[in-house]
Amino acid sequence: AGPDEPTLTALPGWPAGIRRVERLAPDDLPELDDAVRRGLAGPGTTVLVAVAPCVLGAPRAAPLAVHAARCNRCGACLGLGCPAISDAGGDAMVIDPAVCSGCGRCAPICRGRAIGPDLSVVGG
């Protein structure tokens, strides 16, 4: 998102009847919850757009891991579309350390607080 970004409602093919467009940070879970409540409470249609800087060019950090004992398999992390996170069908979601950039975008949306440093690597 930047100053030269077009107004979404002015794009060709944008559906009529959109009441409001809100831009939100994807890692601010309380604000996301509030925005969903506001959108559902009012008449018409609200579009919520999660906007964050791209992590592809950022320096890599230590990969994160899912701590299986805390994972409730809610799937919120899968909604990010991160290629490092998958559902292997076991007791918990899985983060591939070879793919994870360590950006941390997944940790704040994990309702079970199951995503964090890989304890097998950091000695915990």
C-alpha atoms as a PDB file:
ATOM      1  CA  ALA A   1       0.000   0.000   0.000  1.00  0.00           C
ATOM      2  CA  GLY A   2       1.349   3.362  -0.926  1.00  0.00           C
ATOM      3  CA  PRO A   3       0.391   6.840  -2.069  1.00  0.00           C
ATOM      4  CA  ASP A   4       0.098   5.744  -5.710  1.00  0.00           C
ATOM      5  CA  GLU A   5      -2.256   2.852  -4.890  1.00  0.00           C
ATOM      6  CA  PRO A   6      -5.671   3.271  -6.519  1.00  0.00           C
ATOM      7  CA  THR A   7      -8.828   3.552  -4.476  1.00  0.00           C
ATOM      8  CA  LEU A   8     -10.162  -0.002  -4.360  1.00  0.00           C
ATOM      9  CA  THR A   9     -13.744   1.027  -4.993  1.00  0.00           C
ATOM     10  CA  ALA A  10     -12.647   2.800  -8.198  1.00  0.00           C
ATOM     11  CA  LEU A  11     -11.136  -0.347  -9.741  1.00  0.00           C
ATOM     12  CA  PRO A  12     -12.900  -1.770 -12.799  1.00  0.00           C
ATOM     13  CA  GLY A  13     -15.241  -4.574 -11.834  1.00  0.00           C
ATOM     14  CA  TRP A  14     -15.475  -3.527  -8.186  1.00  0.00           C
ATOM     15  CA  PRO A  15     -18.883  -4.681  -6.918  1.00  0.00           C
ATOM     16  CA  ALA A  16     -21.523  -2.053  -6.244  1.00  0.00           C
ATOM     17  CA  GLY A  17     -22.942  -1.782  -2.740  1.00  0.00           C
ATOM     18  CA  ILE A  18     -19.688  -1.920  -0.788  1.00  0.00           C
ATOM     19  CA  ARG A  19     -20.388   0.144   2.309  1.00  0.00           C
ATOM     20  CA  ARG A  20     -16.871   0.464   3.674  1.00  0.00           C
ATOM     21  CA  VAL A  21     -13.296  -0.622   2.977  1.00  0.00           C
ATOM     22  CA  GLU A  22     -10.975  -0.937   5.986  1.00  0.00           C
ATOM     23  CA  ARG A  23      -7.213  -1.442   5.834  1.00  0.00           C
ATOM     24  CA  LEU A  24      -5.803  -3.391   8.751  1.00  0.00           C
ATOM     25  CA  ALA A  25      -2.499  -4.779   9.946  1.00  0.00           C
ATOM     26  CA  PRO A  26      -2.719  -8.581   9.716  1.00  0.00           C
ATOM     27  CA  ASP A  27      -0.830  -9.099  12.966  1.00  0.00           C
ATOM     28  CA  ASP A  28      -3.174  -6.972  15.116  1.00  0.00           C
ATOM     29  CA  LEU A  29      -5.629  -9.682  16.141  1.00  0.00           C
ATOM     30  CA  PRO A  30      -7.735  -7.549  18.520  1.00  0.00           C
ATOM     31  CA  GLU A  31      -8.212  -4.894  15.805  1.00  0.00           C
ATOM     32  CA  LEU A  32      -9.069  -7.584  13.240  1.00  0.00           C
ATOM     33  CA  ASP A  33     -11.696  -9.016  15.597  1.00  0.00           C
ATOM     34  CA  ASP A  34     -13.149  -5.530  16.193  1.00  0.00           C
ATOM     35  CA  ALA A  35     -13.234  -4.804  12.450  1.00  0.00           C
ATOM     36  CA  VAL A  36     -15.114  -8.046  11.769  1.00  0.00           C
ATOM     37  CA  ARG A  37     -17.626  -7.177  14.501  1.00  0.00           C
ATOM     38  CA  ARG A  38     -18.107  -3.663  13.073  1.00  0.00           C
ATOM     39  CA  GLY A  39     -18.555  -5.050   9.582  1.00  0.00           C
ATOM     40  CA  LEU A  40     -21.124  -7.612  10.672  1.00  0.00           C
ATOM     41  CA  ALA A  41     -23.037  -5.137  12.850  1.00  0.00           C
ATOM     42  CA  GLY A  42     -23.784  -2.587  10.140  1.00  0.00           C
ATOM     43  CA  PRO A  43     -25.879  -2.738   7.011  1.00  0.00           C
ATOM     44  CA  GLY A  44     -24.355  -3.446   3.610  1.00  0.00           C
ATOM     45  CA  THR A  45     -21.018  -5.018   2.798  1.00  0.00           C
ATOM     46  CA  THR A  46     -17.663  -4.197   4.380  1.00  0.00           C
ATOM     47  CA  VAL A  47     -14.360  -5.246   2.802  1.00  0.00           C
ATOM     48  CA  LEU A  48     -11.417  -5.827   5.129  1.00  0.00           C
ATOM     49  CA  VAL A  49      -7.976  -5.625   3.517  1.00  0.00           C
ATOM     50  CA  ALA A  50      -4.929  -6.810   5.463  1.00  0.00           C
ATOM     51  CA  VAL A  51      -1.919  -4.727   4.435  1.00  0.00           C
ATOM     52  CA  ALA A  52       1.635  -5.426   5.569  1.00  0.00           C
ATOM     53  CA  PRO A  53       5.103  -5.011   4.117  1.00  0.00           C
ATOM     54  CA  CYS A  54       6.321  -7.936   2.030  1.00  0.00           C
ATOM     55  CA  VAL A  55       8.724 -10.177   3.948  1.00  0.00           C
ATOM     56  CA  LEU A  56      10.373 -11.692   0.884  1.00  0.00           C
ATOM     57  CA  GLY A  57      13.116  -9.061   0.780  1.00  0.00           C
ATOM     58  CA  ALA A  58      13.652  -8.934   4.535  1.00  0.00           C
ATOM     59  CA  PRO A  59      16.652 -10.632   6.123  1.00  0.00           C
ATOM     60  CA  ARG A  60      15.916 -14.179   7.281  1.00  0.00           C
ATOM     61  CA  ALA A  61      15.532 -14.789  10.988  1.00  0.00           C
ATOM     62  CA  ALA A  62      15.554 -18.081  12.878  1.00  0.00           C
ATOM     63  CA  PRO A  63      12.641 -20.232  11.717  1.00  0.00           C
ATOM     64  CA  LEU A  64       9.653 -20.631  13.997  1.00  0.00           C
ATOM     65  CA  ALA A  65       7.987 -23.861  15.068  1.00  0.00           C
ATOM     66  CA  VAL A  66       4.570 -25.058  16.198  1.00  0.00           C
ATOM     67  CA  HIS A  67       4.621 -26.373  19.759  1.00  0.00           C
ATOM     68  CA  ALA A  68       2.270 -29.328  19.412  1.00  0.00           C
ATOM     69  CA  ALA A  69       1.095 -29.353  23.026  1.00  0.00           C
ATOM     70  CA  ARG A  70      -0.374 -25.860  22.586  1.00  0.00           C
ATOM     71  CA  CYS A  71      -1.765 -26.180  19.038  1.00  0.00           C
ATOM     72  CA  ASN A  72      -5.555 -26.555  18.971  1.00  0.00           C
ATOM     73  CA  ARG A  73      -5.606 -27.052  15.166  1.00  0.00           C
ATOM     74  CA  CYS A  74      -7.866 -24.021  14.641  1.00  0.00           C
ATOM     75  CA  GLY A  75      -6.256 -23.356  11.251  1.00  0.00           C
ATOM     76  CA  ALA A  76      -5.853 -19.585  11.698  1.00  0.00           C
ATOM     77  CA  CYS A  77      -2.189 -19.881  10.692  1.00  0.00           C
ATOM     78  CA  LEU A  78      -3.141 -21.657   7.468  1.00  0.00           C
ATOM     79  CA  GLY A  79      -5.241 -18.642   6.498  1.00  0.00           C
ATOM     80  CA  LEU A  80      -2.048 -16.636   5.984  1.00  0.00           C
ATOM     81  CA  GLY A  81      -1.186 -18.691   2.934  1.00  0.00           C
ATOM     82  CA  CYS A  82       2.404 -19.007   4.129  1.00  0.00           C
ATOM     83  CA  PRO A  83       4.192 -21.755   2.205  1.00  0.00           C
ATOM     84  CA  ALA A  84       6.064 -22.815   5.357  1.00  0.00           C
ATOM     85  CA  ILE A  85       2.900 -23.755   7.312  1.00  0.00           C
ATOM     86  CA  SER A  86       0.951 -26.906   6.574  1.00  0.00           C
ATOM     87  CA  ASP A  87      -1.518 -29.334   8.057  1.00  0.00           C
ATOM     88  CA  ALA A  88       0.202 -32.703   8.037  1.00  0.00           C
ATOM     89  CA  GLY A  89      -2.840 -34.279   9.673  1.00  0.00           C
ATOM     90  CA  GLY A  90      -1.172 -35.015  12.999  1.00  0.00           C
ATOM     91  CA  ASP A  91      -1.711 -33.476  16.403  1.00  0.00           C
ATOM     92  CA  ALA A  92      -0.619 -29.996  15.293  1.00  0.00           C
ATOM     93  CA  MET A  93       0.118 -27.806  12.304  1.00  0.00           C
ATOM     94  CA  VAL A  94       3.692 -27.934  11.034  1.00  0.00           C
ATOM     95  CA  ILE A  95       6.205 -25.246  10.031  1.00  0.00           C
ATOM     96  CA  ASP A  96       8.898 -26.308   7.570  1.00  0.00           C
ATOM     97  CA  PRO A  97      12.121 -24.725   8.895  1.00  0.00           C
ATOM     98  CA  ALA A  98      13.714 -24.854   5.449  1.00  0.00           C
ATOM     99  CA  VAL A  99      10.950 -22.590   4.100  1.00  0.00           C
ATOM    100  CA  CYS A 100      10.202 -20.398   7.155  1.00  0.00           C
ATOM    101  CA  SER A 101      11.800 -16.941   6.916  1.00  0.00           C
ATOM    102  CA  GLY A 102      11.228 -16.267  10.609  1.00  0.00           C
ATOM    103  CA  CYS A 103       9.109 -13.185   9.847  1.00  0.00           C
ATOM    104  CA  GLY A 104       6.789 -13.959  12.760  1.00  0.00           C
ATOM    105  CA  ARG A 105       3.542 -12.975  11.021  1.00  0.00           C
ATOM    106  CA  CYS A 106       1.959 -16.263  12.096  1.00  0.00           C
ATOM    107  CA  ALA A 107       2.690 -16.027  15.831  1.00  0.00           C
ATOM    108  CA  PRO A 108       0.247 -13.213  16.745  1.00  0.00           C
ATOM    109  CA  ILE A 109      -2.695 -14.844  14.978  1.00  0.00           C
ATOM    110  CA  CYS A 110      -2.188 -18.201  16.697  1.00  0.00           C
ATOM    111  CA  ARG A 111      -5.009 -18.324  19.232  1.00  0.00           C
ATOM    112  CA  GLY A 112      -3.304 -21.161  21.128  1.00  0.00           C
ATOM    113  CA  ARG A 113      -0.002 -19.245  21.249  1.00  0.00           C
ATOM    114  CA  ALA A 114       1.600 -22.378  19.861  1.00  0.00           C
ATOM    115  CA  ILE A 115       3.956 -20.676  17.392  1.00  0.00           C
ATOM    116  CA  GLY A 116       7.329 -19.494  18.592  1.00  0.00           C
ATOM    117  CA  PRO A 117      11.043 -20.182  18.479  1.00  0.00           C
ATOM    118  CA  ASP A 118      12.088 -23.718  17.673  1.00  0.00           C
ATOM    119  CA  LEU A 119      12.978 -24.881  21.181  1.00  0.00           C
ATOM    120  CA  SER A 120      14.994 -27.810  19.851  1.00  0.00           C
ATOM    121  CA  VAL A 121      17.350 -25.285  18.227  1.00  0.00           C
ATOM    122  CA  VAL A 122      17.491 -22.666  20.997  1.00  0.00           C
ATOM    123  CA  GLY A 123      17.998 -25.216  23.738  1.00  0.00           C
ATOM    124  CA  GLY A 124      14.697 -24.997  25.557  1.00  0.00           C
END
